[in-house]
């Protein structure tokens, strides 16, 4: 009997996503400190657990999407924002700061998908996730 998609996600994808998320947070911690991305009211362990859970969800979706993109790249379009680029409607500001209009650092690309290879209609899967600064 072949494992179901849910079994595969539970036994393979989710543990891999948690491990990758934890390693990403270890690597990004100095950047977070530099960009002053912290919750001063929370305990560091609580912040780490919250960030790990959030990043794990993103990584899990990314692993699933990566598999789909490798299987059928003609159905996907992804575009990375770059530092200094004007903030636009294809992006989500992770800082959520008012008046910030310029990309400082891109975390994920904007991804679009279409139903058939011949289709000209693209649906946005995710906006680019970015940190912005005042321009």
C-alpha atoms as a PDB file:
ATOM      1  CA  UNK A   1       0.000   0.000   0.000  1.00  0.00           C
ATOM      2  CA  UNK A   2       1.359   3.417  -0.992  1.00  0.00           C
ATOM      3  CA  UNK A   3       1.456   6.184   1.611  1.00  0.00           C
ATOM      4  CA  UNK A   4      -1.094   8.965   1.178  1.00  0.00           C
ATOM      5  CA  UNK A   5      -0.170  12.567   0.531  1.00  0.00           C
ATOM      6  CA  UNK A   6      -1.126  13.380   4.148  1.00  0.00           C
ATOM      7  CA  UNK A   7       1.154  10.604   5.433  1.00  0.00           C
ATOM      8  CA  UNK A   8       4.014  11.824   3.252  1.00  0.00           C
ATOM      9  CA  UNK A   9       3.572  15.387   4.493  1.00  0.00           C
ATOM     10  CA  UNK A  10       3.363  14.256   8.138  1.00  0.00           C
ATOM     11  CA  UNK A  11       6.336  11.886   8.089  1.00  0.00           C
ATOM     12  CA  UNK A  12       8.663  13.532   5.549  1.00  0.00           C
ATOM     13  CA  UNK A  13       7.744  17.132   4.726  1.00  0.00           C
ATOM     14  CA  UNK A  14       6.813  18.468   8.189  1.00  0.00           C
ATOM     15  CA  UNK A  15       9.939  17.201  10.032  1.00  0.00           C
ATOM     16  CA  UNK A  16      12.135  18.461   7.189  1.00  0.00           C
ATOM     17  CA  UNK A  17      10.393  21.864   7.309  1.00  0.00           C
ATOM     18  CA  UNK A  18      10.912  22.179  11.086  1.00  0.00           C
ATOM     19  CA  UNK A  19      14.613  21.317  10.762  1.00  0.00           C
ATOM     20  CA  UNK A  20      15.144  23.734   7.894  1.00  0.00           C
ATOM     21  CA  UNK A  21      13.203  26.491   9.689  1.00  0.00           C
ATOM     22  CA  UNK A  22      15.324  26.125  12.815  1.00  0.00           C
ATOM     23  CA  UNK A  23      18.531  26.286  10.760  1.00  0.00           C
ATOM     24  CA  UNK A  24      17.240  29.344   8.877  1.00  0.00           C
ATOM     25  CA  UNK A  25      16.488  31.131  12.149  1.00  0.00           C
ATOM     26  CA  UNK A  26      19.961  30.358  13.502  1.00  0.00           C
ATOM     27  CA  UNK A  27      21.515  31.803  10.351  1.00  0.00           C
ATOM     28  CA  UNK A  28      19.191  34.831  10.231  1.00  0.00           C
ATOM     29  CA  UNK A  29      19.411  35.733  13.922  1.00  0.00           C
ATOM     30  CA  UNK A  30      22.278  38.240  13.400  1.00  0.00           C
ATOM     31  CA  UNK A  31      20.296  39.839  10.543  1.00  0.00           C
ATOM     32  CA  UNK A  32      17.203  40.114  12.741  1.00  0.00           C
ATOM     33  CA  UNK A  33      19.281  41.841  15.399  1.00  0.00           C
ATOM     34  CA  UNK A  34      20.799  44.196  12.813  1.00  0.00           C
ATOM     35  CA  UNK A  35      17.364  45.044  11.406  1.00  0.00           C
ATOM     36  CA  UNK A  36      15.984  45.363  14.953  1.00  0.00           C
ATOM     37  CA  UNK A  37      13.335  42.699  14.382  1.00  0.00           C
ATOM     38  CA  UNK A  38      12.540  41.557  17.881  1.00  0.00           C
ATOM     39  CA  UNK A  39       9.774  41.485  20.440  1.00  0.00           C
ATOM     40  CA  UNK A  40      11.189  43.186  23.502  1.00  0.00           C
ATOM     41  CA  UNK A  41       8.102  42.365  25.601  1.00  0.00           C
ATOM     42  CA  UNK A  42       8.366  38.591  25.043  1.00  0.00           C
ATOM     43  CA  UNK A  43      10.800  36.089  26.456  1.00  0.00           C
ATOM     44  CA  UNK A  44      13.467  35.040  23.901  1.00  0.00           C
ATOM     45  CA  UNK A  45      12.365  31.380  24.050  1.00  0.00           C
ATOM     46  CA  UNK A  46       8.730  32.328  23.357  1.00  0.00           C
ATOM     47  CA  UNK A  47       9.828  34.478  20.415  1.00  0.00           C
ATOM     48  CA  UNK A  48      12.005  31.651  19.063  1.00  0.00           C
ATOM     49  CA  UNK A  49       9.128  29.133  19.291  1.00  0.00           C
ATOM     50  CA  UNK A  50       6.708  31.531  17.588  1.00  0.00           C
ATOM     51  CA  UNK A  51       9.162  32.321  14.798  1.00  0.00           C
ATOM     52  CA  UNK A  52      10.021  28.637  14.377  1.00  0.00           C
ATOM     53  CA  UNK A  53       6.342  27.722  13.989  1.00  0.00           C
ATOM     54  CA  UNK A  54       5.765  30.503  11.450  1.00  0.00           C
ATOM     55  CA  UNK A  55       8.900  29.778   9.441  1.00  0.00           C
ATOM     56  CA  UNK A  56       8.140  26.026   9.527  1.00  0.00           C
ATOM     57  CA  UNK A  57       4.755  26.686   7.875  1.00  0.00           C
ATOM     58  CA  UNK A  58       6.421  28.749   5.154  1.00  0.00           C
ATOM     59  CA  UNK A  59       9.162  26.163   4.582  1.00  0.00           C
ATOM     60  CA  UNK A  60       6.601  23.329   4.390  1.00  0.00           C
ATOM     61  CA  UNK A  61       4.683  25.198   1.694  1.00  0.00           C
ATOM     62  CA  UNK A  62       7.958  25.973  -0.063  1.00  0.00           C
ATOM     63  CA  UNK A  63       9.016  22.311  -0.097  1.00  0.00           C
ATOM     64  CA  UNK A  64       5.681  21.263  -1.575  1.00  0.00           C
ATOM     65  CA  UNK A  65       5.781  24.096  -4.106  1.00  0.00           C
ATOM     66  CA  UNK A  66       9.388  23.295  -5.044  1.00  0.00           C
ATOM     67  CA  UNK A  67       8.377  19.734  -5.882  1.00  0.00           C
ATOM     68  CA  UNK A  68       5.540  20.979  -8.073  1.00  0.00           C
ATOM     69  CA  UNK A  69       7.757  23.581  -9.746  1.00  0.00           C
ATOM     70  CA  UNK A  70      10.401  20.979 -10.560  1.00  0.00           C
ATOM     71  CA  UNK A  71       7.773  18.637 -11.988  1.00  0.00           C
ATOM     72  CA  UNK A  72       6.169  21.319 -14.220  1.00  0.00           C
ATOM     73  CA  UNK A  73       8.226  24.559 -14.382  1.00  0.00           C
ATOM     74  CA  UNK A  74       6.226  25.959 -17.303  1.00  0.00           C
ATOM     75  CA  UNK A  75       3.241  26.419 -14.967  1.00  0.00           C
ATOM     76  CA  UNK A  76       5.086  28.718 -12.546  1.00  0.00           C
ATOM     77  CA  UNK A  77       6.633  32.183 -12.583  1.00  0.00           C
ATOM     78  CA  UNK A  78       8.679  33.552  -9.697  1.00  0.00           C
ATOM     79  CA  UNK A  79      10.236  36.990  -9.322  1.00  0.00           C
ATOM     80  CA  UNK A  80      12.559  38.155  -6.541  1.00  0.00           C
ATOM     81  CA  UNK A  81      12.510  41.717  -5.238  1.00  0.00           C
ATOM     82  CA  UNK A  82      15.917  43.354  -4.840  1.00  0.00           C
ATOM     83  CA  UNK A  83      17.387  45.863  -2.416  1.00  0.00           C
ATOM     84  CA  UNK A  84      16.509  49.440  -3.373  1.00  0.00           C
ATOM     85  CA  UNK A  85      13.495  48.381  -5.454  1.00  0.00           C
ATOM     86  CA  UNK A  86      10.328  50.462  -4.876  1.00  0.00           C
ATOM     87  CA  UNK A  87       7.745  48.660  -2.726  1.00  0.00           C
ATOM     88  CA  UNK A  88       4.686  47.635  -4.797  1.00  0.00           C
ATOM     89  CA  UNK A  89       1.418  45.658  -4.746  1.00  0.00           C
ATOM     90  CA  UNK A  90       3.249  42.372  -5.530  1.00  0.00           C
ATOM     91  CA  UNK A  91       4.968  42.528  -2.127  1.00  0.00           C
ATOM     92  CA  UNK A  92       4.115  42.067   1.547  1.00  0.00           C
ATOM     93  CA  UNK A  93       6.069  44.167   4.045  1.00  0.00           C
ATOM     94  CA  UNK A  94       7.092  41.958   6.973  1.00  0.00           C
ATOM     95  CA  UNK A  95       7.880  45.052   9.043  1.00  0.00           C
ATOM     96  CA  UNK A  96       4.436  46.518   8.427  1.00  0.00           C
ATOM     97  CA  UNK A  97       5.868  49.974   8.872  1.00  0.00           C
ATOM     98  CA  UNK A  98       4.070  53.057   7.704  1.00  0.00           C
ATOM     99  CA  UNK A  99       5.823  55.198   5.142  1.00  0.00           C
ATOM    100  CA  UNK A 100       8.316  52.528   4.115  1.00  0.00           C
ATOM    101  CA  UNK A 101       8.570  52.560   0.353  1.00  0.00           C
ATOM    102  CA  UNK A 102      11.806  50.809  -0.591  1.00  0.00           C
ATOM    103  CA  UNK A 103      12.850  47.154  -0.341  1.00  0.00           C
ATOM    104  CA  UNK A 104      15.731  46.619   2.054  1.00  0.00           C
ATOM    105  CA  UNK A 105      15.803  42.816   2.018  1.00  0.00           C
ATOM    106  CA  UNK A 106      13.750  40.160   0.173  1.00  0.00           C
ATOM    107  CA  UNK A 107      12.859  36.959   2.035  1.00  0.00           C
ATOM    108  CA  UNK A 108      10.758  35.113  -0.571  1.00  0.00           C
ATOM    109  CA  UNK A 109       9.852  35.698  -4.227  1.00  0.00           C
ATOM    110  CA  UNK A 110       6.432  36.473  -5.668  1.00  0.00           C
ATOM    111  CA  UNK A 111       5.087  33.270  -7.257  1.00  0.00           C
ATOM    112  CA  UNK A 112       2.354  32.919  -9.866  1.00  0.00           C
ATOM    113  CA  UNK A 113       0.817  29.765 -11.356  1.00  0.00           C
ATOM    114  CA  UNK A 114      -1.337  28.982 -14.390  1.00  0.00           C
ATOM    115  CA  UNK A 115      -3.681  26.023 -14.942  1.00  0.00           C
ATOM    116  CA  UNK A 116      -2.409  24.911 -18.355  1.00  0.00           C
ATOM    117  CA  UNK A 117       0.783  25.399 -20.303  1.00  0.00           C
ATOM    118  CA  UNK A 118      -1.099  27.323 -22.994  1.00  0.00           C
ATOM    119  CA  UNK A 119      -3.029  29.546 -20.566  1.00  0.00           C
ATOM    120  CA  UNK A 120      -2.245  33.253 -20.402  1.00  0.00           C
ATOM    121  CA  UNK A 121      -4.026  33.740 -17.055  1.00  0.00           C
ATOM    122  CA  UNK A 122      -1.707  33.704 -14.039  1.00  0.00           C
ATOM    123  CA  UNK A 123      -2.893  33.411 -10.424  1.00  0.00           C
ATOM    124  CA  UNK A 124      -0.716  34.745  -7.606  1.00  0.00           C
ATOM    125  CA  UNK A 125       0.276  31.977  -5.180  1.00  0.00           C
ATOM    126  CA  UNK A 126       2.190  34.264  -2.837  1.00  0.00           C
ATOM    127  CA  UNK A 127       3.365  37.843  -2.727  1.00  0.00           C
ATOM    128  CA  UNK A 128       7.054  38.583  -2.316  1.00  0.00           C
ATOM    129  CA  UNK A 129       7.868  38.817   1.395  1.00  0.00           C
ATOM    130  CA  UNK A 130      10.192  41.755   2.040  1.00  0.00           C
ATOM    131  CA  UNK A 131      11.538  44.055   4.750  1.00  0.00           C
ATOM    132  CA  UNK A 132      11.303  47.694   3.729  1.00  0.00           C
ATOM    133  CA  UNK A 133      12.960  50.935   4.713  1.00  0.00           C
ATOM    134  CA  UNK A 134      12.104  54.564   4.202  1.00  0.00           C
ATOM    135  CA  UNK A 135      13.378  55.753   0.853  1.00  0.00           C
END
